[in-house]
Amino acid sequence: MVVKAEGNKGKLKAYFKGVRSELKKVIWPTRAELLNYTAVVTVLSAVVSIVVYVLDLGIHGVLKIFI
């Protein structure tokens, strides 16, 4: 059992070594890019929310007439 535990420990260590290696390859966004992307996502989320709300009001109104 001890040998197997050491083997798993080695696999875990190798896994995290690989993760660290891959994270070094990532091209992280600059602060300006990050703020720009955040603004775009926030604005688009608000627009989609408003569109869904208006559609919901319309569907509710139509169903209220017929039901």
PDB file of N, CA and C in Angstrom:
ATOM      1  N   MET A   1       0.807  -1.203   0.000  1.00  0.00           N
ATOM      2  CA  MET A   1       0.000   0.000   0.000  1.00  0.00           C
ATOM      3  C   MET A   1       0.847   1.263   0.000  1.00  0.00           C
ATOM      4  N   VAL A   2       1.974   1.228   0.672  1.00  0.00           N
ATOM      5  CA  VAL A   2       2.830   2.409   0.752  1.00  0.00           C
ATOM      6  C   VAL A   2       3.361   2.768  -0.625  1.00  0.00           C
ATOM      7  N   VAL A   3       3.714   1.775  -1.402  1.00  0.00           N
ATOM      8  CA  VAL A   3       4.237   2.024  -2.742  1.00  0.00           C
ATOM      9  C   VAL A   3       3.175   2.691  -3.600  1.00  0.00           C
ATOM     10  N   LYS A   4       1.948   2.224  -3.484  1.00  0.00           N
ATOM     11  CA  LYS A   4       0.860   2.800  -4.269  1.00  0.00           C
ATOM     12  C   LYS A   4       0.611   4.249  -3.869  1.00  0.00           C
ATOM     13  N   ALA A   5       0.663   4.551  -2.582  1.00  0.00           N
ATOM     14  CA  ALA A   5       0.461   5.921  -2.110  1.00  0.00           C
ATOM     15  C   ALA A   5       1.548   6.833  -2.651  1.00  0.00           C
ATOM     16  N   GLU A   6       2.794   6.342  -2.682  1.00  0.00           N
ATOM     17  CA  GLU A   6       3.881   7.155  -3.221  1.00  0.00           C
ATOM     18  C   GLU A   6       3.691   7.369  -4.717  1.00  0.00           C
ATOM     19  N   GLY A   7       3.179   6.373  -5.412  1.00  0.00           N
ATOM     20  CA  GLY A   7       2.920   6.511  -6.840  1.00  0.00           C
ATOM     21  C   GLY A   7       1.861   7.563  -7.107  1.00  0.00           C
ATOM     22  N   ASN A   8       0.805   7.579  -6.295  1.00  0.00           N
ATOM     23  CA  ASN A   8      -0.240   8.587  -6.448  1.00  0.00           C
ATOM     24  C   ASN A   8       0.298   9.969  -6.130  1.00  0.00           C
ATOM     25  N   LYS A   9       1.180  10.050  -5.128  1.00  0.00           N
ATOM     26  CA  LYS A   9       1.771  11.335  -4.769  1.00  0.00           C
ATOM     27  C   LYS A   9       2.606  11.868  -5.933  1.00  0.00           C
ATOM     28  N   GLY A  10       3.320  10.977  -6.603  1.00  0.00           N
ATOM     29  CA  GLY A  10       4.121  11.369  -7.759  1.00  0.00           C
ATOM     30  C   GLY A  10       3.249  11.832  -8.916  1.00  0.00           C
ATOM     31  N   LYS A  11       2.117  11.147  -9.115  1.00  0.00           N
ATOM     32  CA  LYS A  11       1.194  11.542 -10.182  1.00  0.00           C
ATOM     33  C   LYS A  11       0.594  12.911  -9.897  1.00  0.00           C
ATOM     34  N   LEU A  12       0.263  13.143  -8.626  1.00  0.00           N
ATOM     35  CA  LEU A  12      -0.316  14.426  -8.247  1.00  0.00           C
ATOM     36  C   LEU A  12       0.694  15.550  -8.444  1.00  0.00           C
ATOM     37  N   LYS A  13       1.930  15.286  -8.070  1.00  0.00           N
ATOM     38  CA  LYS A  13       2.992  16.281  -8.232  1.00  0.00           C
ATOM     39  C   LYS A  13       3.210  16.583  -9.717  1.00  0.00           C
ATOM     40  N   ALA A  14       3.215  15.554 -10.543  1.00  0.00           N
ATOM     41  CA  ALA A  14       3.392  15.727 -11.988  1.00  0.00           C
ATOM     42  C   ALA A  14       2.225  16.505 -12.580  1.00  0.00           C
ATOM     43  N   TYR A  15       1.020  16.233 -12.088  1.00  0.00           N
ATOM     44  CA  TYR A  15      -0.161  16.943 -12.581  1.00  0.00           C
ATOM     45  C   TYR A  15      -0.029  18.442 -12.322  1.00  0.00           C
ATOM     46  N   PHE A  16       0.303  18.803 -11.090  1.00  0.00           N
ATOM     47  CA  PHE A  16       0.411  20.223 -10.762  1.00  0.00           C
ATOM     48  C   PHE A  16       1.604  20.879 -11.455  1.00  0.00           C
ATOM     49  N   LYS A  17       2.641  20.119 -11.725  1.00  0.00           N
ATOM     50  CA  LYS A  17       3.767  20.649 -12.491  1.00  0.00           C
ATOM     51  C   LYS A  17       3.306  20.976 -13.913  1.00  0.00           C
ATOM     52  N   GLY A  18       2.484  20.098 -14.486  1.00  0.00           N
ATOM     53  CA  GLY A  18       1.933  20.349 -15.817  1.00  0.00           C
ATOM     54  C   GLY A  18       0.999  21.545 -15.833  1.00  0.00           C
ATOM     55  N   VAL A  19       0.187  21.675 -14.781  1.00  0.00           N
ATOM     56  CA  VAL A  19      -0.722  22.821 -14.681  1.00  0.00           C
ATOM     57  C   VAL A  19       0.081  24.115 -14.640  1.00  0.00           C
ATOM     58  N   ARG A  20       1.117  24.126 -13.831  1.00  0.00           N
ATOM     59  CA  ARG A  20       1.959  25.326 -13.712  1.00  0.00           C
ATOM     60  C   ARG A  20       2.610  25.659 -15.054  1.00  0.00           C
ATOM     61  N   SER A  21       3.067  24.636 -15.755  1.00  0.00           N
ATOM     62  CA  SER A  21       3.684  24.832 -17.062  1.00  0.00           C
ATOM     63  C   SER A  21       2.692  25.444 -18.049  1.00  0.00           C
ATOM     64  N   GLU A  22       1.464  24.946 -18.057  1.00  0.00           N
ATOM     65  CA  GLU A  22       0.448  25.476 -18.969  1.00  0.00           C
ATOM     66  C   GLU A  22       0.057  26.908 -18.611  1.00  0.00           C
ATOM     67  N   LEU A  23      -0.018  27.214 -17.320  1.00  0.00           N
ATOM     68  CA  LEU A  23      -0.378  28.571 -16.906  1.00  0.00           C
ATOM     69  C   LEU A  23       0.680  29.587 -17.310  1.00  0.00           C
ATOM     70  N   LYS A  24       1.931  29.151 -17.438  1.00  0.00           N
ATOM     71  CA  LYS A  24       2.989  30.058 -17.888  1.00  0.00           C
ATOM     72  C   LYS A  24       2.811  30.417 -19.363  1.00  0.00           C
ATOM     73  N   LYS A  25       2.122  29.572 -20.121  1.00  0.00           N
ATOM     74  CA  LYS A  25       1.908  29.806 -21.550  1.00  0.00           C
ATOM     75  C   LYS A  25       0.739  30.749 -21.825  1.00  0.00           C
ATOM     76  N   VAL A  26      -0.086  30.997 -20.825  1.00  0.00           N
ATOM     77  CA  VAL A  26      -1.286  31.815 -21.007  1.00  0.00           C
ATOM     78  C   VAL A  26      -0.890  33.268 -21.239  1.00  0.00           C
ATOM     79  N   ILE A  27      -1.527  33.898 -22.208  1.00  0.00           N
ATOM     80  CA  ILE A  27      -1.328  35.328 -22.438  1.00  0.00           C
ATOM     81  C   ILE A  27      -2.462  36.040 -21.712  1.00  0.00           C
ATOM     82  N   TRP A  28      -2.141  36.633 -20.568  1.00  0.00           N
ATOM     83  CA  TRP A  28      -3.140  37.272 -19.727  1.00  0.00           C
ATOM     84  C   TRP A  28      -3.488  38.643 -20.293  1.00  0.00           C
ATOM     85  N   PRO A  29      -4.749  39.084 -20.185  1.00  0.00           N
ATOM     86  CA  PRO A  29      -5.134  40.401 -20.703  1.00  0.00           C
ATOM     87  C   PRO A  29      -4.525  41.517 -19.858  1.00  0.00           C
ATOM     88  N   THR A  30      -4.310  42.656 -20.522  1.00  0.00           N
ATOM     89  CA  THR A  30      -3.834  43.823 -19.786  1.00  0.00           C
ATOM     90  C   THR A  30      -4.987  44.372 -18.963  1.00  0.00           C
ATOM     91  N   ARG A  31      -4.680  45.295 -18.073  1.00  0.00           N
ATOM     92  CA  ARG A  31      -5.724  45.883 -17.231  1.00  0.00           C
ATOM     93  C   ARG A  31      -6.766  46.600 -18.088  1.00  0.00           C
ATOM     94  N   ALA A  32      -6.307  47.325 -19.116  1.00  0.00           N
ATOM     95  CA  ALA A  32      -7.230  48.049 -19.998  1.00  0.00           C
ATOM     96  C   ALA A  32      -8.142  47.073 -20.746  1.00  0.00           C
ATOM     97  N   GLU A  33      -7.571  45.982 -21.261  1.00  0.00           N
ATOM     98  CA  GLU A  33      -8.383  44.980 -21.958  1.00  0.00           C
ATOM     99  C   GLU A  33      -9.402  44.357 -21.013  1.00  0.00           C
ATOM    100  N   LEU A  34      -8.961  44.052 -19.812  1.00  0.00           N
ATOM    101  CA  LEU A  34      -9.852  43.442 -18.830  1.00  0.00           C
ATOM    102  C   LEU A  34     -11.028  44.360 -18.505  1.00  0.00           C
ATOM    103  N   LEU A  35     -10.747  45.643 -18.299  1.00  0.00           N
ATOM    104  CA  LEU A  35     -11.817  46.604 -18.010  1.00  0.00           C
ATOM    105  C   LEU A  35     -12.750  46.754 -19.208  1.00  0.00           C
ATOM    106  N   ASN A  36     -12.183  46.756 -20.412  1.00  0.00           N
ATOM    107  CA  ASN A  36     -12.991  46.868 -21.625  1.00  0.00           C
ATOM    108  C   ASN A  36     -13.913  45.653 -21.776  1.00  0.00           C
ATOM    109  N   TYR A  37     -13.373  44.463 -21.603  1.00  0.00           N
ATOM    110  CA  TYR A  37     -14.179  43.246 -21.711  1.00  0.00           C
ATOM    111  C   TYR A  37     -15.269  43.206 -20.642  1.00  0.00           C
ATOM    112  N   THR A  38     -14.923  43.650 -19.443  1.00  0.00           N
ATOM    113  CA  THR A  38     -15.902  43.676 -18.357  1.00  0.00           C
ATOM    114  C   THR A  38     -17.045  44.623 -18.689  1.00  0.00           C
ATOM    115  N   ALA A  39     -16.711  45.790 -19.235  1.00  0.00           N
ATOM    116  CA  ALA A  39     -17.739  46.763 -19.610  1.00  0.00           C
ATOM    117  C   ALA A  39     -18.641  46.198 -20.708  1.00  0.00           C
ATOM    118  N   VAL A  40     -18.048  45.557 -21.693  1.00  0.00           N
ATOM    119  CA  VAL A  40     -18.829  44.984 -22.795  1.00  0.00           C
ATOM    120  C   VAL A  40     -19.796  43.920 -22.268  1.00  0.00           C
ATOM    121  N   VAL A  41     -19.314  43.037 -21.419  1.00  0.00           N
ATOM    122  CA  VAL A  41     -20.166  41.976 -20.870  1.00  0.00           C
ATOM    123  C   VAL A  41     -21.281  42.571 -20.024  1.00  0.00           C
ATOM    124  N   THR A  42     -20.967  43.587 -19.222  1.00  0.00           N
ATOM    125  CA  THR A  42     -21.977  44.218 -18.368  1.00  0.00           C
ATOM    126  C   THR A  42     -23.059  44.890 -19.204  1.00  0.00           C
ATOM    127  N   VAL A  43     -22.654  45.646 -20.213  1.00  0.00           N
ATOM    128  CA  VAL A  43     -23.622  46.351 -21.065  1.00  0.00           C
ATOM    129  C   VAL A  43     -24.485  45.349 -21.836  1.00  0.00           C
ATOM    130  N   LEU A  44     -23.864  44.335 -22.416  1.00  0.00           N
ATOM    131  CA  LEU A  44     -24.644  43.346 -23.168  1.00  0.00           C
ATOM    132  C   LEU A  44     -25.593  42.568 -22.264  1.00  0.00           C
ATOM    133  N   SER A  45     -25.170  42.284 -21.053  1.00  0.00           N
ATOM    134  CA  SER A  45     -26.060  41.603 -20.103  1.00  0.00           C
ATOM    135  C   SER A  45     -27.267  42.472 -19.780  1.00  0.00           C
ATOM    136  N   ALA A  46     -27.040  43.772 -19.596  1.00  0.00           N
ATOM    137  CA  ALA A  46     -28.141  44.691 -19.312  1.00  0.00           C
ATOM    138  C   ALA A  46     -29.095  44.769 -20.504  1.00  0.00           C
ATOM    139  N   VAL A  47     -28.547  44.853 -21.714  1.00  0.00           N
ATOM    140  CA  VAL A  47     -29.386  44.937 -22.919  1.00  0.00           C
ATOM    141  C   VAL A  47     -30.223  43.666 -23.073  1.00  0.00           C
ATOM    142  N   VAL A  48     -29.621  42.514 -22.910  1.00  0.00           N
ATOM    143  CA  VAL A  48     -30.359  41.252 -23.031  1.00  0.00           C
ATOM    144  C   VAL A  48     -31.426  41.161 -21.946  1.00  0.00           C
ATOM    145  N   SER A  49     -31.111  41.612 -20.743  1.00  0.00           N
ATOM    146  CA  SER A  49     -32.099  41.601 -19.657  1.00  0.00           C
ATOM    147  C   SER A  49     -33.306  42.463 -20.006  1.00  0.00           C
ATOM    148  N   ILE A  50     -33.055  43.625 -20.567  1.00  0.00           N
ATOM    149  CA  ILE A  50     -34.144  44.528 -20.947  1.00  0.00           C
ATOM    150  C   ILE A  50     -34.984  43.905 -22.063  1.00  0.00           C
ATOM    151  N   VAL A  51     -34.332  43.300 -23.054  1.00  0.00           N
ATOM    152  CA  VAL A  51     -35.058  42.660 -24.157  1.00  0.00           C
ATOM    153  C   VAL A  51     -35.939  41.524 -23.628  1.00  0.00           C
ATOM    154  N   VAL A  52     -35.395  40.703 -22.758  1.00  0.00           N
ATOM    155  CA  VAL A  52     -36.178  39.602 -22.187  1.00  0.00           C
ATOM    156  C   VAL A  52     -37.347  40.144 -21.375  1.00  0.00           C
ATOM    157  N   TYR A  53     -37.129  41.210 -20.614  1.00  0.00           N
ATOM    158  CA  TYR A  53     -38.196  41.821 -19.818  1.00  0.00           C
ATOM    159  C   TYR A  53     -39.317  42.342 -20.718  1.00  0.00           C
ATOM    160  N   VAL A  54     -38.945  43.029 -21.801  1.00  0.00           N
ATOM    161  CA  VAL A  54     -39.952  43.577 -22.722  1.00  0.00           C
ATOM    162  C   VAL A  54     -40.722  42.436 -23.396  1.00  0.00           C
ATOM    163  N   LEU A  55     -40.019  41.399 -23.827  1.00  0.00           N
ATOM    164  CA  LEU A  55     -40.703  40.249 -24.430  1.00  0.00           C
ATOM    165  C   LEU A  55     -41.646  39.584 -23.432  1.00  0.00           C
ATOM    166  N   ASP A  56     -41.215  39.480 -22.192  1.00  0.00           N
ATOM    167  CA  ASP A  56     -42.058  38.892 -21.152  1.00  0.00           C
ATOM    168  C   ASP A  56     -43.320  39.722 -20.949  1.00  0.00           C
ATOM    169  N   LEU A  57     -43.164  41.041 -20.912  1.00  0.00           N
ATOM    170  CA  LEU A  57     -44.341  41.909 -20.773  1.00  0.00           C
ATOM    171  C   LEU A  57     -45.291  41.739 -21.953  1.00  0.00           C
ATOM    172  N   GLY A  58     -44.725  41.656 -23.162  1.00  0.00           N
ATOM    173  CA  GLY A  58     -45.551  41.485 -24.359  1.00  0.00           C
ATOM    174  C   GLY A  58     -46.297  40.164 -24.354  1.00  0.00           C
ATOM    175  N   ILE A  59     -45.608  39.099 -24.058  1.00  0.00           N
ATOM    176  CA  ILE A  59     -46.247  37.780 -24.021  1.00  0.00           C
ATOM    177  C   ILE A  59     -47.305  37.736 -22.927  1.00  0.00           C
ATOM    178  N   HIS A  60     -46.997  38.318 -21.785  1.00  0.00           N
ATOM    179  CA  HIS A  60     -47.965  38.362 -20.687  1.00  0.00           C
ATOM    180  C   HIS A  60     -49.217  39.138 -21.107  1.00  0.00           C
ATOM    181  N   GLY A  61     -49.019  40.257 -21.796  1.00  0.00           N
ATOM    182  CA  GLY A  61     -50.156  41.054 -22.258  1.00  0.00           C
ATOM    183  C   GLY A  61     -51.016  40.304 -23.256  1.00  0.00           C
ATOM    184  N   VAL A  62     -50.371  39.614 -24.196  1.00  0.00           N
ATOM    185  CA  VAL A  62     -51.112  38.848 -25.205  1.00  0.00           C
ATOM    186  C   VAL A  62     -51.877  37.708 -24.540  1.00  0.00           C
ATOM    187  N   LEU A  63     -51.248  36.998 -23.640  1.00  0.00           N
ATOM    188  CA  LEU A  63     -51.927  35.894 -22.962  1.00  0.00           C
ATOM    189  C   LEU A  63     -53.070  36.393 -22.091  1.00  0.00           C
ATOM    190  N   LYS A  64     -52.905  37.568 -21.516  1.00  0.00           N
ATOM    191  CA  LYS A  64     -53.958  38.138 -20.670  1.00  0.00           C
ATOM    192  C   LYS A  64     -55.209  38.453 -21.504  1.00  0.00           C
ATOM    193  N   ILE A  65     -55.006  38.862 -22.747  1.00  0.00           N
ATOM    194  CA  ILE A  65     -56.131  39.173 -23.631  1.00  0.00           C
ATOM    195  C   ILE A  65     -56.892  37.894 -23.992  1.00  0.00           C
ATOM    196  N   PHE A  66     -56.182  36.829 -24.308  1.00  0.00           N
ATOM    197  CA  PHE A  66     -56.809  35.602 -24.791  1.00  0.00           C
ATOM    198  C   PHE A  66     -57.254  34.653 -23.687  1.00  0.00           C
ATOM    199  N   ILE A  67     -56.738  34.810 -22.508  1.00  0.00           N
ATOM    200  CA  ILE A  67     -57.101  33.862 -21.439  1.00  0.00           C
ATOM    201  C   ILE A  67     -58.056  34.489 -20.458  1.00  0.00           C
TER     202      ILE A  67
END
